[in-house]
Amino acid sequence: MSQTGQNLILASASPRRLELLEQVGIIPAQIIPADIDESALKAEKPRALAARLASEKCAKVAKDNPNCFILASDTIVACGNRILGKARNEEEAAKFLKMLSGRRHNVYTGVTLISPDGKASHKTVCTAVKFKNLEMSEIDFYLSHDEWKGKAGGYAIQGLAARFIKGINGSYSNVVGLPLYETVSMLKGRGYPL
């Protein structure tokens, strides 16, 4: 049975994160996206970037919303230590897909929760994803559907790109944008009524 969180704010504009929460019966009372600079710092590693952005988003929304649960996350796709951001255009999405072709890469999601008492919990989850070798015709097909737009690494595992995934090691929901097991555990640990 789903419940509306009387004082849970999702600090994200991602419809996927909202859908994931609803999947486990959690409906935030409000959605307040945090507009921050998401650029990596010099020499910042992917895991650290995901954690920092989630923390900054959460803190920004919490500042104006005391006595609430604030949930924020950020997902980073990385090939080694190379961060693949949200593809800005079709050319960059094609470059990302060629880079991921036939390789294993990591998807990191940083999750931060601030509870009404002002205490913060943090978790960063990593999932390894293995792509098949992609033919240029497959890349062209994928790009023609615009699914890559606004997606870290230029793909969405829950969509057409599922046909490229040979396997994953770790949380599937993490790759979509929010590791559900860890998120629910954090909420429960901070006293959110589940």
N, C-alpha and C. Protein backbone atom coordinates (compact mmCIF):
# COMPACT_ATOMS: atom_id res chain seq x y z
N MET A 1 0.85 -1.19 0.00
CA MET A 1 0.00 0.00 0.00
C MET A 1 0.88 1.24 0.00
N SER A 2 0.60 2.15 -0.90
CA SER A 2 1.43 3.36 -0.96
C SER A 2 0.91 4.40 0.01
N GLN A 3 1.83 5.27 0.39
CA GLN A 3 1.44 6.34 1.30
C GLN A 3 2.09 7.63 0.83
N THR A 4 1.41 8.73 1.08
CA THR A 4 2.00 10.02 0.75
C THR A 4 2.83 10.45 1.94
N GLY A 5 4.08 10.80 1.67
CA GLY A 5 4.96 11.26 2.74
C GLY A 5 4.55 12.66 3.15
N GLN A 6 4.02 12.78 4.36
CA GLN A 6 3.52 14.09 4.82
C GLN A 6 4.60 15.15 4.77
N ASN A 7 5.84 14.75 5.06
CA ASN A 7 6.91 15.76 5.07
C ASN A 7 8.16 15.24 4.37
N LEU A 8 7.96 14.47 3.30
CA LEU A 8 9.09 14.01 2.49
C LEU A 8 9.17 14.84 1.22
N ILE A 9 10.33 15.45 1.01
CA ILE A 9 10.57 16.24 -0.20
C ILE A 9 11.63 15.53 -1.04
N LEU A 10 11.31 15.30 -2.29
CA LEU A 10 12.27 14.74 -3.23
C LEU A 10 12.97 15.90 -3.93
N ALA A 11 14.28 16.01 -3.72
CA ALA A 11 15.05 17.11 -4.30
C ALA A 11 15.59 16.69 -5.66
N SER A 12 14.68 16.38 -6.57
CA SER A 12 15.08 15.91 -7.90
C SER A 12 13.98 16.18 -8.91
N ALA A 13 14.40 16.53 -10.12
CA ALA A 13 13.43 16.74 -11.20
C ALA A 13 13.24 15.47 -12.03
N SER A 14 13.94 14.39 -11.65
CA SER A 14 13.91 13.16 -12.44
C SER A 14 12.60 12.40 -12.29
N PRO A 15 11.87 12.22 -13.39
CA PRO A 15 10.64 11.42 -13.30
C PRO A 15 10.94 9.96 -12.95
N ARG A 16 12.13 9.49 -13.32
CA ARG A 16 12.50 8.10 -13.00
C ARG A 16 12.64 7.89 -11.50
N ARG A 17 13.21 8.85 -10.80
CA ARG A 17 13.36 8.70 -9.34
C ARG A 17 11.99 8.69 -8.66
N LEU A 18 11.10 9.53 -9.14
CA LEU A 18 9.74 9.54 -8.58
C LEU A 18 9.05 8.21 -8.83
N GLU A 19 9.17 7.68 -10.05
CA GLU A 19 8.57 6.38 -10.38
C GLU A 19 9.14 5.27 -9.52
N LEU A 20 10.45 5.31 -9.28
CA LEU A 20 11.09 4.28 -8.45
C LEU A 20 10.55 4.32 -7.02
N LEU A 21 10.44 5.53 -6.46
CA LEU A 21 9.89 5.65 -5.10
C LEU A 21 8.46 5.13 -5.05
N GLU A 22 7.65 5.50 -6.05
CA GLU A 22 6.26 5.05 -6.09
C GLU A 22 6.19 3.53 -6.20
N GLN A 23 7.16 2.94 -6.89
CA GLN A 23 7.21 1.48 -7.05
C GLN A 23 7.28 0.77 -5.69
N VAL A 24 7.93 1.41 -4.70
CA VAL A 24 8.03 0.81 -3.37
C VAL A 24 7.07 1.47 -2.38
N GLY A 25 6.06 2.16 -2.92
CA GLY A 25 5.00 2.68 -2.08
C GLY A 25 5.29 3.99 -1.38
N ILE A 26 6.27 4.74 -1.87
CA ILE A 26 6.60 6.03 -1.25
C ILE A 26 6.27 7.15 -2.23
N ILE A 27 5.38 8.05 -1.81
CA ILE A 27 4.99 9.19 -2.64
C ILE A 27 5.36 10.47 -1.90
N PRO A 28 6.37 11.19 -2.39
CA PRO A 28 6.79 12.41 -1.70
C PRO A 28 5.66 13.44 -1.66
N ALA A 29 5.64 14.23 -0.59
CA ALA A 29 4.65 15.30 -0.47
C ALA A 29 4.95 16.41 -1.46
N GLN A 30 6.24 16.64 -1.72
CA GLN A 30 6.64 17.71 -2.65
C GLN A 30 7.85 17.27 -3.46
N ILE A 31 7.99 17.89 -4.63
CA ILE A 31 9.19 17.70 -5.45
C ILE A 31 9.79 19.09 -5.64
N ILE A 32 11.00 19.27 -5.14
CA ILE A 32 11.68 20.57 -5.24
C ILE A 32 13.08 20.31 -5.80
N PRO A 33 13.25 20.41 -7.12
CA PRO A 33 14.58 20.18 -7.69
C PRO A 33 15.59 21.21 -7.17
N ALA A 34 16.78 20.74 -6.91
CA ALA A 34 17.86 21.62 -6.45
C ALA A 34 18.72 21.98 -7.65
N ASP A 35 18.77 23.24 -7.97
CA ASP A 35 19.55 23.70 -9.11
C ASP A 35 20.95 24.05 -8.63
N ILE A 36 21.90 23.15 -8.91
CA ILE A 36 23.29 23.39 -8.50
C ILE A 36 24.20 23.16 -9.69
N ASP A 37 25.44 23.61 -9.57
CA ASP A 37 26.45 23.34 -10.59
C ASP A 37 26.89 21.88 -10.43
N GLU A 38 26.70 21.08 -11.47
CA GLU A 38 27.02 19.66 -11.37
C GLU A 38 28.38 19.31 -11.97
N SER A 39 29.20 20.30 -12.21
CA SER A 39 30.54 20.05 -12.78
C SER A 39 31.42 19.34 -11.76
N ALA A 40 32.26 18.45 -12.29
CA ALA A 40 33.22 17.76 -11.43
C ALA A 40 34.34 18.72 -11.05
N LEU A 41 34.85 18.54 -9.84
CA LEU A 41 36.02 19.33 -9.42
C LEU A 41 37.26 18.72 -10.07
N LYS A 42 38.33 19.45 -10.10
CA LYS A 42 39.57 18.97 -10.70
C LYS A 42 40.00 17.66 -10.03
N ALA A 43 40.21 16.64 -10.82
CA ALA A 43 40.67 15.31 -10.36
C ALA A 43 39.65 14.58 -9.47
N GLU A 44 38.39 15.04 -9.45
CA GLU A 44 37.38 14.39 -8.62
C GLU A 44 36.98 13.05 -9.23
N LYS A 45 36.99 12.01 -8.42
CA LYS A 45 36.63 10.66 -8.88
C LYS A 45 35.11 10.54 -8.97
N PRO A 46 34.62 9.62 -9.82
CA PRO A 46 33.17 9.46 -10.03
C PRO A 46 32.37 9.21 -8.75
N ARG A 47 32.85 8.31 -7.89
CA ARG A 47 32.14 8.02 -6.64
C ARG A 47 32.02 9.27 -5.77
N ALA A 48 33.12 10.01 -5.66
CA ALA A 48 33.13 11.22 -4.84
C ALA A 48 32.20 12.28 -5.42
N LEU A 49 32.16 12.39 -6.75
CA LEU A 49 31.29 13.36 -7.40
C LEU A 49 29.82 13.05 -7.12
N ALA A 50 29.43 11.78 -7.28
CA ALA A 50 28.04 11.38 -7.02
C ALA A 50 27.64 11.71 -5.58
N ALA A 51 28.54 11.41 -4.63
CA ALA A 51 28.26 11.67 -3.21
C ALA A 51 28.15 13.17 -2.94
N ARG A 52 29.07 13.95 -3.49
CA ARG A 52 29.07 15.40 -3.24
C ARG A 52 27.83 16.07 -3.82
N LEU A 53 27.46 15.71 -5.05
CA LEU A 53 26.30 16.35 -5.67
C LEU A 53 25.01 16.02 -4.92
N ALA A 54 24.86 14.77 -4.49
CA ALA A 54 23.67 14.40 -3.71
C ALA A 54 23.61 15.21 -2.42
N SER A 55 24.75 15.34 -1.77
CA SER A 55 24.82 16.08 -0.51
C SER A 55 24.50 17.56 -0.71
N GLU A 56 25.05 18.16 -1.78
CA GLU A 56 24.80 19.58 -2.04
C GLU A 56 23.34 19.84 -2.42
N LYS A 57 22.76 18.95 -3.21
CA LYS A 57 21.34 19.10 -3.58
C LYS A 57 20.46 19.04 -2.33
N CYS A 58 20.76 18.08 -1.47
CA CYS A 58 19.96 17.89 -0.26
C CYS A 58 20.07 19.11 0.66
N ALA A 59 21.29 19.59 0.84
CA ALA A 59 21.52 20.74 1.73
C ALA A 59 20.82 21.99 1.20
N LYS A 60 20.85 22.18 -0.12
CA LYS A 60 20.22 23.37 -0.71
C LYS A 60 18.72 23.39 -0.45
N VAL A 61 18.06 22.25 -0.64
CA VAL A 61 16.61 22.19 -0.44
C VAL A 61 16.27 22.22 1.06
N ALA A 62 17.10 21.59 1.88
CA ALA A 62 16.85 21.55 3.32
C ALA A 62 16.91 22.94 3.96
N LYS A 63 17.74 23.80 3.39
CA LYS A 63 17.92 25.15 3.95
C LYS A 63 16.59 25.90 4.05
N ASP A 64 15.73 25.74 3.04
CA ASP A 64 14.45 26.45 3.01
C ASP A 64 13.27 25.60 3.48
N ASN A 65 13.54 24.36 3.88
CA ASN A 65 12.46 23.44 4.27
C ASN A 65 12.82 22.70 5.55
N PRO A 66 12.82 23.41 6.69
CA PRO A 66 13.15 22.75 7.95
C PRO A 66 12.05 21.78 8.37
N ASN A 67 12.38 20.89 9.26
CA ASN A 67 11.43 19.92 9.83
C ASN A 67 10.83 18.98 8.79
N CYS A 68 11.61 18.70 7.75
CA CYS A 68 11.16 17.77 6.71
C CYS A 68 12.22 16.71 6.47
N PHE A 69 11.80 15.63 5.87
CA PHE A 69 12.74 14.67 5.31
C PHE A 69 13.06 15.16 3.90
N ILE A 70 14.34 15.31 3.60
CA ILE A 70 14.77 15.73 2.26
C ILE A 70 15.60 14.59 1.67
N LEU A 71 15.21 14.15 0.49
CA LEU A 71 15.92 13.06 -0.18
C LEU A 71 16.47 13.57 -1.51
N ALA A 72 17.77 13.40 -1.69
CA ALA A 72 18.41 13.83 -2.93
C ALA A 72 19.37 12.74 -3.41
N SER A 73 19.54 12.67 -4.72
CA SER A 73 20.52 11.72 -5.25
C SER A 73 21.09 12.24 -6.55
N ASP A 74 22.21 11.65 -6.94
CA ASP A 74 22.83 11.99 -8.21
C ASP A 74 23.49 10.74 -8.76
N THR A 75 23.30 10.49 -10.05
CA THR A 75 23.83 9.29 -10.69
C THR A 75 24.92 9.67 -11.69
N ILE A 76 26.04 8.96 -11.60
CA ILE A 76 27.20 9.20 -12.45
C ILE A 76 27.56 7.89 -13.16
N VAL A 77 27.76 7.98 -14.47
CA VAL A 77 28.24 6.84 -15.25
C VAL A 77 29.72 7.06 -15.49
N ALA A 78 30.53 6.02 -15.25
CA ALA A 78 31.98 6.17 -15.41
C ALA A 78 32.59 4.97 -16.11
N CYS A 79 33.48 5.28 -17.03
CA CYS A 79 34.29 4.28 -17.72
C CYS A 79 35.68 4.43 -17.12
N GLY A 80 36.06 3.54 -16.21
CA GLY A 80 37.28 3.77 -15.44
C GLY A 80 37.03 4.98 -14.56
N ASN A 81 37.95 5.96 -14.63
CA ASN A 81 37.74 7.20 -13.88
C ASN A 81 37.18 8.30 -14.77
N ARG A 82 36.86 7.96 -16.02
CA ARG A 82 36.31 8.94 -16.95
C ARG A 82 34.81 9.07 -16.71
N ILE A 83 34.37 10.27 -16.39
CA ILE A 83 32.96 10.53 -16.10
C ILE A 83 32.23 10.82 -17.40
N LEU A 84 31.16 10.06 -17.65
CA LEU A 84 30.32 10.28 -18.82
C LEU A 84 29.06 10.99 -18.34
N GLY A 85 28.98 12.26 -18.58
CA GLY A 85 27.84 13.05 -18.10
C GLY A 85 26.59 12.82 -18.94
N LYS A 86 25.66 13.74 -18.83
CA LYS A 86 24.46 13.70 -19.67
C LYS A 86 24.87 14.16 -21.06
N ALA A 87 24.63 13.31 -22.05
CA ALA A 87 25.03 13.64 -23.42
C ALA A 87 24.35 14.94 -23.85
N ARG A 88 25.15 15.89 -24.34
CA ARG A 88 24.62 17.20 -24.73
C ARG A 88 24.02 17.19 -26.13
N ASN A 89 24.45 16.24 -26.94
CA ASN A 89 23.94 16.15 -28.31
C ASN A 89 24.12 14.72 -28.82
N GLU A 90 23.61 14.47 -30.00
CA GLU A 90 23.64 13.13 -30.57
C GLU A 90 25.07 12.64 -30.80
N GLU A 91 25.94 13.56 -31.19
CA GLU A 91 27.34 13.22 -31.44
C GLU A 91 28.02 12.73 -30.16
N GLU A 92 27.76 13.43 -29.05
CA GLU A 92 28.36 13.03 -27.77
C GLU A 92 27.75 11.71 -27.29
N ALA A 93 26.45 11.52 -27.49
CA ALA A 93 25.81 10.25 -27.10
C ALA A 93 26.43 9.09 -27.88
N ALA A 94 26.68 9.30 -29.17
CA ALA A 94 27.32 8.27 -30.00
C ALA A 94 28.72 7.95 -29.48
N LYS A 95 29.45 8.98 -29.09
CA LYS A 95 30.81 8.80 -28.54
C LYS A 95 30.76 7.97 -27.26
N PHE A 96 29.80 8.28 -26.39
CA PHE A 96 29.65 7.52 -25.15
C PHE A 96 29.34 6.06 -25.43
N LEU A 97 28.39 5.81 -26.33
CA LEU A 97 27.99 4.43 -26.64
C LEU A 97 29.15 3.64 -27.24
N LYS A 98 29.94 4.28 -28.10
CA LYS A 98 31.12 3.60 -28.66
C LYS A 98 32.12 3.27 -27.55
N MET A 99 32.25 4.17 -26.59
CA MET A 99 33.17 3.95 -25.48
C MET A 99 32.70 2.78 -24.59
N LEU A 100 31.37 2.68 -24.39
CA LEU A 100 30.80 1.64 -23.54
C LEU A 100 30.73 0.28 -24.23
N SER A 101 30.75 0.29 -25.56
CA SER A 101 30.61 -0.93 -26.35
C SER A 101 31.62 -2.01 -25.96
N GLY A 102 31.11 -3.20 -25.62
CA GLY A 102 31.97 -4.33 -25.29
C GLY A 102 32.72 -4.21 -23.98
N ARG A 103 32.35 -3.22 -23.18
CA ARG A 103 33.09 -2.98 -21.93
C ARG A 103 32.18 -3.02 -20.71
N ARG A 104 32.84 -3.13 -19.60
CA ARG A 104 32.17 -3.03 -18.31
C ARG A 104 32.38 -1.61 -17.81
N HIS A 105 31.33 -0.99 -17.28
CA HIS A 105 31.48 0.33 -16.69
C HIS A 105 30.72 0.37 -15.37
N ASN A 106 30.94 1.40 -14.61
CA ASN A 106 30.29 1.53 -13.31
C ASN A 106 29.30 2.68 -13.29
N VAL A 107 28.20 2.45 -12.57
CA VAL A 107 27.20 3.49 -12.35
C VAL A 107 27.16 3.74 -10.84
N TYR A 108 27.44 4.98 -10.46
CA TYR A 108 27.44 5.37 -9.04
C TYR A 108 26.25 6.27 -8.78
N THR A 109 25.52 5.99 -7.71
CA THR A 109 24.48 6.91 -7.28
C THR A 109 24.75 7.29 -5.83
N GLY A 110 24.90 8.58 -5.61
CA GLY A 110 25.01 9.10 -4.26
C GLY A 110 23.61 9.43 -3.77
N VAL A 111 23.30 9.04 -2.55
CA VAL A 111 22.00 9.32 -1.95
C VAL A 111 22.24 10.03 -0.61
N THR A 112 21.56 11.14 -0.41
CA THR A 112 21.64 11.85 0.87
C THR A 112 20.22 12.06 1.39
N LEU A 113 20.06 11.82 2.67
CA LEU A 113 18.78 12.03 3.34
C LEU A 113 19.01 12.92 4.56
N ILE A 114 18.28 14.01 4.63
CA ILE A 114 18.30 14.85 5.84
C ILE A 114 16.96 14.67 6.52
N SER A 115 17.00 14.32 7.79
CA SER A 115 15.76 14.08 8.53
C SER A 115 15.31 15.37 9.22
N PRO A 116 14.07 15.41 9.74
CA PRO A 116 13.54 16.64 10.36
C PRO A 116 14.41 17.18 11.49
N ASP A 117 15.20 16.31 12.13
CA ASP A 117 16.08 16.79 13.21
C ASP A 117 17.38 17.40 12.67
N GLY A 118 17.51 17.45 11.33
CA GLY A 118 18.68 18.07 10.71
C GLY A 118 19.85 17.14 10.50
N LYS A 119 19.73 15.88 10.91
CA LYS A 119 20.83 14.93 10.74
C LYS A 119 20.81 14.36 9.32
N ALA A 120 22.00 14.16 8.79
CA ALA A 120 22.12 13.67 7.41
C ALA A 120 22.68 12.25 7.38
N SER A 121 22.17 11.46 6.44
CA SER A 121 22.70 10.13 6.15
C SER A 121 23.15 10.13 4.70
N HIS A 122 24.24 9.43 4.44
CA HIS A 122 24.78 9.37 3.08
C HIS A 122 25.08 7.92 2.70
N LYS A 123 24.89 7.62 1.44
CA LYS A 123 25.22 6.30 0.91
C LYS A 123 25.56 6.49 -0.56
N THR A 124 26.60 5.81 -1.01
CA THR A 124 26.92 5.80 -2.44
C THR A 124 26.95 4.34 -2.87
N VAL A 125 26.18 4.04 -3.89
CA VAL A 125 26.01 2.66 -4.37
C VAL A 125 26.63 2.56 -5.76
N CYS A 126 27.33 1.46 -6.01
CA CYS A 126 27.96 1.23 -7.30
C CYS A 126 27.39 -0.05 -7.93
N THR A 127 27.04 0.03 -9.20
CA THR A 127 26.60 -1.14 -9.97
C THR A 127 27.48 -1.23 -11.21
N ALA A 128 27.99 -2.44 -11.47
CA ALA A 128 28.78 -2.66 -12.68
C ALA A 128 27.85 -3.12 -13.79
N VAL A 129 27.99 -2.52 -14.97
CA VAL A 129 27.15 -2.83 -16.12
C VAL A 129 28.06 -3.26 -17.28
N LYS A 130 27.70 -4.38 -17.92
CA LYS A 130 28.49 -4.88 -19.06
C LYS A 130 27.68 -4.74 -20.34
N PHE A 131 28.23 -3.99 -21.29
CA PHE A 131 27.60 -3.80 -22.60
C PHE A 131 28.11 -4.86 -23.57
N LYS A 132 27.26 -5.27 -24.49
CA LYS A 132 27.69 -6.12 -25.60
C LYS A 132 28.49 -5.26 -26.58
N ASN A 133 29.16 -5.89 -27.52
CA ASN A 133 29.80 -5.15 -28.60
C ASN A 133 28.71 -4.57 -29.49
N LEU A 134 28.72 -3.27 -29.66
CA LEU A 134 27.67 -2.61 -30.44
C LEU A 134 28.10 -2.40 -31.89
N GLU A 135 27.21 -2.71 -32.79
CA GLU A 135 27.44 -2.39 -34.20
C GLU A 135 26.97 -0.95 -34.43
N MET A 136 27.54 -0.32 -35.45
CA MET A 136 27.17 1.08 -35.73
C MET A 136 25.68 1.20 -36.02
N SER A 137 25.10 0.19 -36.65
CA SER A 137 23.66 0.23 -36.95
C SER A 137 22.82 0.24 -35.67
N GLU A 138 23.31 -0.46 -34.63
CA GLU A 138 22.60 -0.49 -33.35
C GLU A 138 22.69 0.88 -32.66
N ILE A 139 23.85 1.50 -32.75
CA ILE A 139 24.03 2.84 -32.17
C ILE A 139 23.12 3.83 -32.89
N ASP A 140 23.11 3.76 -34.22
CA ASP A 140 22.25 4.66 -35.01
C ASP A 140 20.77 4.47 -34.66
N PHE A 141 20.36 3.21 -34.52
CA PHE A 141 18.98 2.90 -34.14
C PHE A 141 18.65 3.54 -32.79
N TYR A 142 19.54 3.35 -31.83
CA TYR A 142 19.30 3.88 -30.49
C TYR A 142 19.21 5.41 -30.50
N LEU A 143 20.14 6.04 -31.19
CA LEU A 143 20.16 7.51 -31.24
C LEU A 143 18.91 8.08 -31.91
N SER A 144 18.36 7.35 -32.87
CA SER A 144 17.19 7.84 -33.61
C SER A 144 15.94 7.91 -32.73
N HIS A 145 15.96 7.28 -31.56
CA HIS A 145 14.80 7.28 -30.67
C HIS A 145 14.86 8.33 -29.56
N ASP A 146 15.92 9.13 -29.54
CA ASP A 146 16.05 10.25 -28.59
C ASP A 146 16.04 9.85 -27.12
N GLU A 147 16.11 8.57 -26.83
CA GLU A 147 16.09 8.12 -25.43
C GLU A 147 17.34 8.56 -24.67
N TRP A 148 18.41 8.82 -25.39
CA TRP A 148 19.68 9.21 -24.79
C TRP A 148 19.63 10.60 -24.16
N LYS A 149 18.67 11.41 -24.56
CA LYS A 149 18.62 12.80 -24.10
C LYS A 149 18.45 12.89 -22.58
N GLY A 150 19.33 13.66 -21.96
CA GLY A 150 19.24 13.87 -20.52
C GLY A 150 19.67 12.69 -19.68
N LYS A 151 20.30 11.68 -20.30
CA LYS A 151 20.70 10.47 -19.56
C LYS A 151 22.21 10.44 -19.36
N ALA A 152 22.62 10.18 -18.14
CA ALA A 152 24.05 10.02 -17.86
C ALA A 152 24.58 8.84 -18.67
N GLY A 153 25.71 9.06 -19.35
CA GLY A 153 26.29 8.02 -20.18
C GLY A 153 25.60 7.86 -21.52
N GLY A 154 24.53 8.62 -21.76
CA GLY A 154 23.84 8.58 -23.03
C GLY A 154 22.92 7.40 -23.25
N TYR A 155 22.52 6.73 -22.15
CA TYR A 155 21.59 5.60 -22.32
C TYR A 155 20.69 5.44 -21.11
N ALA A 156 19.57 4.75 -21.33
CA ALA A 156 18.62 4.43 -20.25
C ALA A 156 18.45 2.91 -20.20
N ILE A 157 18.89 2.29 -19.13
CA ILE A 157 18.84 0.83 -19.01
C ILE A 157 17.40 0.31 -19.03
N GLN A 158 16.45 1.15 -18.58
CA GLN A 158 15.04 0.73 -18.49
C GLN A 158 14.31 0.87 -19.81
N GLY A 159 15.02 1.31 -20.84
CA GLY A 159 14.38 1.50 -22.15
C GLY A 159 14.99 0.60 -23.21
N LEU A 160 15.13 1.16 -24.40
CA LEU A 160 15.65 0.39 -25.53
C LEU A 160 17.07 -0.12 -25.31
N ALA A 161 17.84 0.57 -24.50
CA ALA A 161 19.23 0.15 -24.26
C ALA A 161 19.32 -1.18 -23.52
N ALA A 162 18.21 -1.65 -22.98
CA ALA A 162 18.22 -2.96 -22.30
C ALA A 162 18.72 -4.06 -23.24
N ARG A 163 18.53 -3.86 -24.54
CA ARG A 163 18.98 -4.86 -25.52
C ARG A 163 20.50 -4.92 -25.62
N PHE A 164 21.20 -3.92 -25.07
CA PHE A 164 22.67 -3.88 -25.15
C PHE A 164 23.35 -4.45 -23.90
N ILE A 165 22.56 -4.71 -22.86
CA ILE A 165 23.14 -5.06 -21.55
C ILE A 165 23.34 -6.56 -21.43
N LYS A 166 24.61 -6.98 -21.36
CA LYS A 166 24.93 -8.40 -21.20
C LYS A 166 24.70 -8.84 -19.76
N GLY A 167 24.92 -7.93 -18.83
CA GLY A 167 24.73 -8.27 -17.43
C GLY A 167 25.01 -7.09 -16.53
N ILE A 168 24.50 -7.20 -15.31
CA ILE A 168 24.82 -6.19 -14.30
C ILE A 168 25.21 -6.90 -13.02
N ASN A 169 26.03 -6.24 -12.24
CA ASN A 169 26.43 -6.77 -10.93
C ASN A 169 26.10 -5.69 -9.92
N GLY A 170 25.00 -5.89 -9.19
CA GLY A 170 24.57 -4.89 -8.22
C GLY A 170 23.12 -4.51 -8.42
N SER A 171 22.77 -3.34 -7.93
CA SER A 171 21.39 -2.87 -7.93
C SER A 171 20.95 -2.35 -9.29
N TYR A 172 19.87 -2.94 -9.82
CA TYR A 172 19.30 -2.47 -11.09
C TYR A 172 18.71 -1.06 -10.92
N SER A 173 17.96 -0.84 -9.82
CA SER A 173 17.33 0.47 -9.63
C SER A 173 18.37 1.57 -9.49
N ASN A 174 19.57 1.22 -9.03
CA ASN A 174 20.67 2.18 -8.95
C ASN A 174 21.02 2.72 -10.34
N VAL A 175 21.02 1.83 -11.34
CA VAL A 175 21.36 2.25 -12.71
C VAL A 175 20.25 3.13 -13.28
N VAL A 176 19.01 2.87 -12.88
CA VAL A 176 17.88 3.71 -13.33
C VAL A 176 17.98 5.09 -12.69
N GLY A 177 18.50 5.16 -11.46
CA GLY A 177 18.68 6.48 -10.85
C GLY A 177 18.50 6.57 -9.34
N LEU A 178 18.07 5.47 -8.68
CA LEU A 178 17.91 5.51 -7.23
C LEU A 178 17.97 4.09 -6.68
N PRO A 179 18.98 3.76 -5.88
CA PRO A 179 19.06 2.42 -5.31
C PRO A 179 17.98 2.25 -4.24
N LEU A 180 16.96 1.48 -4.55
CA LEU A 180 15.77 1.42 -3.69
C LEU A 180 16.03 0.77 -2.34
N TYR A 181 16.73 -0.35 -2.33
CA TYR A 181 16.97 -1.03 -1.04
C TYR A 181 17.66 -0.08 -0.06
N GLU A 182 18.72 0.54 -0.52
CA GLU A 182 19.49 1.44 0.35
C GLU A 182 18.67 2.67 0.74
N THR A 183 17.91 3.22 -0.19
CA THR A 183 17.10 4.41 0.09
C THR A 183 16.03 4.11 1.15
N VAL A 184 15.33 2.99 0.99
CA VAL A 184 14.31 2.60 1.97
C VAL A 184 14.94 2.36 3.33
N SER A 185 16.12 1.72 3.34
CA SER A 185 16.83 1.47 4.60
C SER A 185 17.20 2.77 5.29
N MET A 186 17.65 3.76 4.52
CA MET A 186 18.01 5.06 5.09
C MET A 186 16.78 5.75 5.69
N LEU A 187 15.67 5.75 4.94
CA LEU A 187 14.44 6.37 5.43
C LEU A 187 13.98 5.72 6.73
N LYS A 188 13.99 4.40 6.73
CA LYS A 188 13.55 3.65 7.92
C LYS A 188 14.47 3.94 9.11
N GLY A 189 15.77 3.98 8.83
CA GLY A 189 16.76 4.24 9.87
C GLY A 189 16.63 5.61 10.50
N ARG A 190 16.11 6.57 9.74
CA ARG A 190 15.93 7.93 10.24
C ARG A 190 14.53 8.18 10.77
N GLY A 191 13.72 7.12 10.85
CA GLY A 191 12.41 7.26 11.47
C GLY A 191 11.28 7.66 10.55
N TYR A 192 11.51 7.59 9.24
CA TYR A 192 10.43 7.89 8.32
C TYR A 192 9.39 6.78 8.40
N PRO A 193 8.10 7.11 8.52
CA PRO A 193 7.08 6.07 8.69
C PRO A 193 6.85 5.26 7.41
N LEU A 194 7.25 4.00 7.44
CA LEU A 194 7.09 3.12 6.28
C LEU A 194 6.09 2.02 6.61
